[in-house]
Amino acid sequence: MNKSPVLACNGLRKSYLQGQDCIEVLSGVGLTIREAERLAIIGRSGSGKSTLLHVLAGLVEPDEGYVELLGENLTIASQAKRAHLRNAHMGFVYQLHHLLPEFSALENVAMPLMIRGLSRREVFNEASGLLKSVGLAQRGSHRPHQLSGGERQRVAVARALVTSPAVVLADEPTGNLDRTSASQVLALIDELVSSTGTAFVVVTHDEALASQMDRTVILDEGVLS
């Protein structure tokens, strides 16, 4: 039985000017991601993978085509509506963890819920549970500089999941990690997909990571295959 689509796009086109040249990085891209699916997007450097991820997130507008998040058209939504949909239904993990250095691991995980205006007790209860789920229950008071690279990325994964999103978009999430830490992050993603039903869309150069996803697509000259 097919699971419900959480994120879909159709006919995406995006071009950029480079000097006098118009470079088309997305050429009619269509894609559907379903509940609890782990999808890898691979391709050579400069192939447009990160652009595609930003368009899927509603952070970059396509020249043509549309993106739907849980049936809502992100492409035609106002900026305020897009921001609301992202906060409600999307999580993000980047190659650089983007943790706030002046805050503890617990506070970093809690930040998306603070933005929602939830009570402090509710926010920190939820964040504590997520830190425990990523194996960092004893590290909540530590600031990012006191954590290893793998630990920082696990905090970033917890932060991405604290709002119980339908989908997490990850841009090279293991790119700065050694093989052991990368394997730990991948195992964590597998466990969280199984327990939460959250879908993961991962842009990566890491063939080992891509090979363990449910599905892999290749972006080449603006076309997915």
Protein backbone atom coordinates (compact mmCIF):
# COMPACT_ATOMS: atom_id res chain seq x y z
CA MET A 1 0.00 0.00 0.00
CA ASN A 2 1.45 3.37 -1.03
CA LYS A 3 2.08 5.86 1.73
CA SER A 4 0.80 9.41 1.44
CA PRO A 5 2.89 12.03 -0.39
CA VAL A 6 4.37 14.66 1.93
CA LEU A 7 6.37 16.69 -0.59
CA ALA A 8 5.97 16.88 -4.36
CA CYS A 9 7.09 19.05 -7.22
CA ASN A 10 6.34 19.18 -10.92
CA GLY A 11 7.82 20.98 -13.90
CA LEU A 12 10.46 22.86 -11.90
CA ARG A 13 12.70 25.09 -13.97
CA LYS A 14 15.33 27.44 -12.60
CA SER A 15 17.99 29.46 -14.44
CA TYR A 16 20.74 31.81 -13.33
CA LEU A 17 22.76 34.39 -15.23
CA GLN A 18 26.52 33.87 -15.36
CA GLY A 19 27.93 36.89 -17.13
CA GLN A 20 26.17 36.92 -20.48
CA ASP A 21 25.13 33.28 -20.23
CA CYS A 22 21.85 31.88 -18.92
CA ILE A 23 22.51 28.59 -17.11
CA GLU A 24 19.50 26.34 -16.58
CA VAL A 25 20.09 24.29 -13.43
CA LEU A 26 16.63 22.71 -13.20
CA SER A 27 14.94 21.58 -16.42
CA GLY A 28 11.41 20.40 -15.72
CA VAL A 29 12.10 18.47 -12.52
CA GLY A 30 9.31 16.39 -11.02
CA LEU A 31 9.50 14.38 -7.81
CA THR A 32 7.28 12.89 -5.10
CA ILE A 33 8.45 12.02 -1.58
CA ARG A 34 6.21 9.88 0.60
CA GLU A 35 5.79 9.39 4.33
CA ALA A 36 8.80 7.68 5.98
CA GLU A 37 10.73 7.58 2.70
CA ARG A 38 14.48 8.16 2.67
CA LEU A 39 15.48 9.72 -0.64
CA ALA A 40 19.03 10.59 -1.75
CA ILE A 41 19.68 13.19 -4.46
CA ILE A 42 23.15 12.82 -5.95
CA GLY A 43 25.03 14.50 -8.78
CA ARG A 44 28.31 16.17 -9.59
CA SER A 45 29.33 19.41 -7.91
CA GLY A 46 27.43 22.35 -9.38
CA SER A 47 24.66 20.17 -10.80
CA GLY A 48 21.95 22.10 -8.93
CA LYS A 49 21.30 19.72 -6.03
CA SER A 50 21.30 22.45 -3.39
CA THR A 51 19.20 24.70 -5.63
CA LEU A 52 16.62 21.92 -5.91
CA LEU A 53 16.60 21.50 -2.13
CA HIS A 54 16.08 25.25 -1.64
CA VAL A 55 13.23 25.29 -4.17
CA LEU A 56 11.61 22.31 -2.40
CA ALA A 57 11.88 24.27 0.86
CA GLY A 58 10.20 27.33 -0.65
CA LEU A 59 13.36 29.36 -0.04
CA VAL A 60 14.01 29.90 -3.78
CA GLU A 61 11.24 30.51 -6.28
CA PRO A 62 11.30 28.44 -9.47
CA ASP A 63 10.94 30.12 -12.87
CA GLU A 64 8.28 27.54 -13.69
CA GLY A 65 6.54 24.68 -11.91
CA TYR A 66 5.32 24.26 -8.36
CA VAL A 67 6.05 22.57 -5.02
CA GLU A 68 3.39 21.07 -2.74
CA LEU A 69 3.89 20.37 0.97
CA LEU A 70 1.14 18.14 2.37
CA GLY A 71 -1.07 19.30 -0.49
CA GLU A 72 -0.39 23.02 0.08
CA ASN A 73 1.10 24.89 -2.87
CA LEU A 74 4.28 26.49 -1.51
CA THR A 75 5.11 28.22 -4.76
CA ILE A 76 2.11 30.55 -4.78
CA ALA A 77 1.92 31.02 -1.01
CA SER A 78 2.84 34.34 0.59
CA GLN A 79 6.20 34.61 2.37
CA ALA A 80 4.41 34.53 5.72
CA LYS A 81 2.47 31.40 4.73
CA ARG A 82 5.64 29.70 3.51
CA ALA A 83 7.40 30.49 6.78
CA HIS A 84 4.48 29.04 8.72
CA LEU A 85 4.43 25.86 6.62
CA ARG A 86 8.18 25.39 6.98
CA ASN A 87 8.05 25.81 10.76
CA ALA A 88 5.06 23.49 11.05
CA HIS A 89 6.05 20.70 8.66
CA MET A 90 9.74 20.88 7.67
CA GLY A 91 13.06 20.31 9.39
CA PHE A 92 16.52 21.17 8.05
CA VAL A 93 19.99 19.70 8.52
CA TYR A 94 23.06 21.20 6.84
CA GLN A 95 26.67 20.16 6.25
CA LEU A 96 27.66 22.85 8.74
CA HIS A 97 25.45 22.24 11.75
CA HIS A 98 24.48 25.95 12.16
CA LEU A 99 24.05 25.57 15.91
CA LEU A 100 23.96 28.86 17.80
CA PRO A 101 27.29 29.00 19.68
CA GLU A 102 26.04 31.02 22.64
CA PHE A 103 23.31 28.49 23.49
CA SER A 104 23.50 25.00 24.99
CA ALA A 105 22.67 21.86 23.04
CA LEU A 106 19.29 21.73 24.79
CA GLU A 107 18.51 25.36 23.92
CA ASN A 108 19.53 24.82 20.30
CA VAL A 109 17.16 21.86 19.98
CA ALA A 110 14.39 23.86 21.68
CA MET A 111 14.75 26.91 19.43
CA PRO A 112 12.13 25.98 16.76
CA LEU A 113 9.54 25.43 19.51
CA MET A 114 10.47 28.71 21.19
CA ILE A 115 9.69 30.43 17.88
CA ARG A 116 6.20 28.93 18.11
CA GLY A 117 5.70 30.61 21.47
CA LEU A 118 5.11 27.44 23.46
CA SER A 119 5.57 27.43 27.23
CA ARG A 120 9.13 27.08 28.49
CA ARG A 121 8.28 23.86 30.34
CA GLU A 122 6.70 22.29 27.26
CA VAL A 123 9.56 23.38 25.03
CA PHE A 124 12.31 21.95 27.22
CA ASN A 125 10.45 18.71 27.94
CA GLU A 126 10.16 18.08 24.20
CA ALA A 127 13.76 19.11 23.51
CA SER A 128 15.07 16.89 26.33
CA GLY A 129 13.23 13.92 24.85
CA LEU A 130 14.80 14.52 21.45
CA LEU A 131 18.30 14.85 22.90
CA LYS A 132 17.77 11.53 24.66
CA SER A 133 16.62 9.93 21.40
CA VAL A 134 19.88 10.95 19.70
CA GLY A 135 21.98 9.64 22.59
CA LEU A 136 22.95 13.01 24.06
CA ALA A 137 20.83 13.19 27.21
CA GLN A 138 23.93 13.93 29.30
CA ARG A 139 25.21 16.66 26.98
CA GLY A 140 22.28 19.08 27.09
CA SER A 141 24.12 21.78 29.02
CA HIS A 142 27.15 21.73 26.72
CA ARG A 143 27.66 24.44 24.13
CA PRO A 144 28.53 23.49 20.53
CA HIS A 145 32.29 24.07 20.96
CA GLN A 146 32.27 21.49 23.76
CA LEU A 147 30.84 18.77 21.49
CA SER A 148 32.49 16.61 18.83
CA GLY A 149 31.58 17.04 15.16
CA GLY A 150 29.36 13.97 15.25
CA GLU A 151 27.64 15.14 18.43
CA ARG A 152 26.98 18.58 16.94
CA GLN A 153 25.39 16.99 13.89
CA ARG A 154 23.23 14.76 16.08
CA VAL A 155 22.05 17.88 17.93
CA ALA A 156 21.22 19.39 14.52
CA VAL A 157 19.17 16.29 13.64
CA ALA A 158 17.33 16.54 16.97
CA ARG A 159 16.59 20.22 16.30
CA ALA A 160 15.24 19.32 12.85
CA LEU A 161 12.87 16.78 14.39
CA VAL A 162 11.68 18.67 17.47
CA THR A 163 8.62 20.07 15.66
CA SER A 164 7.60 16.57 14.45
CA PRO A 165 7.94 17.59 10.78
CA ALA A 166 6.53 15.65 7.86
CA VAL A 167 9.86 15.91 6.04
CA VAL A 168 13.47 16.78 6.82
CA LEU A 169 15.64 18.29 4.07
CA ALA A 170 19.33 17.55 4.59
CA ASP A 171 22.15 19.15 2.56
CA GLU A 172 25.36 17.09 2.81
CA PRO A 173 24.59 16.14 6.44
CA THR A 174 27.68 13.90 6.75
CA GLY A 175 30.01 16.00 4.59
CA ASN A 176 32.18 17.23 7.48
CA LEU A 177 32.17 13.99 9.48
CA ASP A 178 34.58 11.07 9.68
CA ARG A 179 33.25 7.67 8.62
CA THR A 180 32.38 6.55 12.15
CA SER A 181 30.43 9.73 12.95
CA ALA A 182 28.75 9.63 9.53
CA SER A 183 27.63 6.05 10.18
CA GLN A 184 26.20 7.09 13.55
CA VAL A 185 24.20 9.93 11.96
CA LEU A 186 22.90 7.58 9.24
CA ALA A 187 21.87 4.99 11.84
CA LEU A 188 20.10 7.75 13.74
CA ILE A 189 18.19 8.82 10.63
CA ASP A 190 17.14 5.20 10.01
CA GLU A 191 15.91 4.83 13.58
CA LEU A 192 14.00 8.11 13.56
CA VAL A 193 12.34 7.38 10.20
CA SER A 194 11.11 4.07 11.63
CA SER A 195 9.85 5.60 14.87
CA THR A 196 8.39 8.89 13.62
CA GLY A 197 7.41 8.35 9.97
CA THR A 198 9.27 11.52 9.01
CA ALA A 199 10.56 11.52 5.43
CA PHE A 200 14.19 12.48 4.75
CA VAL A 201 15.45 14.06 1.53
CA VAL A 202 19.26 14.00 1.53
CA VAL A 203 21.52 15.81 -0.93
CA THR A 204 24.88 14.08 -0.78
CA HIS A 205 28.17 13.24 -2.48
CA ASP A 206 28.52 10.29 -0.09
CA GLU A 207 27.79 7.15 -2.12
CA ALA A 208 27.82 5.00 1.01
CA LEU A 209 25.07 7.16 2.52
CA ALA A 210 23.09 7.25 -0.73
CA SER A 211 23.27 3.45 -1.10
CA GLN A 212 21.46 3.03 2.21
CA MET A 213 18.52 5.25 1.32
CA ASP A 214 15.25 3.78 0.07
CA ARG A 215 15.66 5.49 -3.29
CA THR A 216 18.34 7.46 -5.11
CA VAL A 217 17.85 9.94 -7.94
CA ILE A 218 20.58 11.59 -10.00
CA LEU A 219 20.47 15.25 -11.01
CA ASP A 220 22.43 15.79 -14.20
CA GLU A 221 22.20 18.80 -16.52
CA GLY A 222 19.01 19.89 -14.79
CA VAL A 223 17.20 16.57 -15.21
CA LEU A 224 16.42 13.91 -12.61
CA SER A 225 16.88 10.24 -13.44
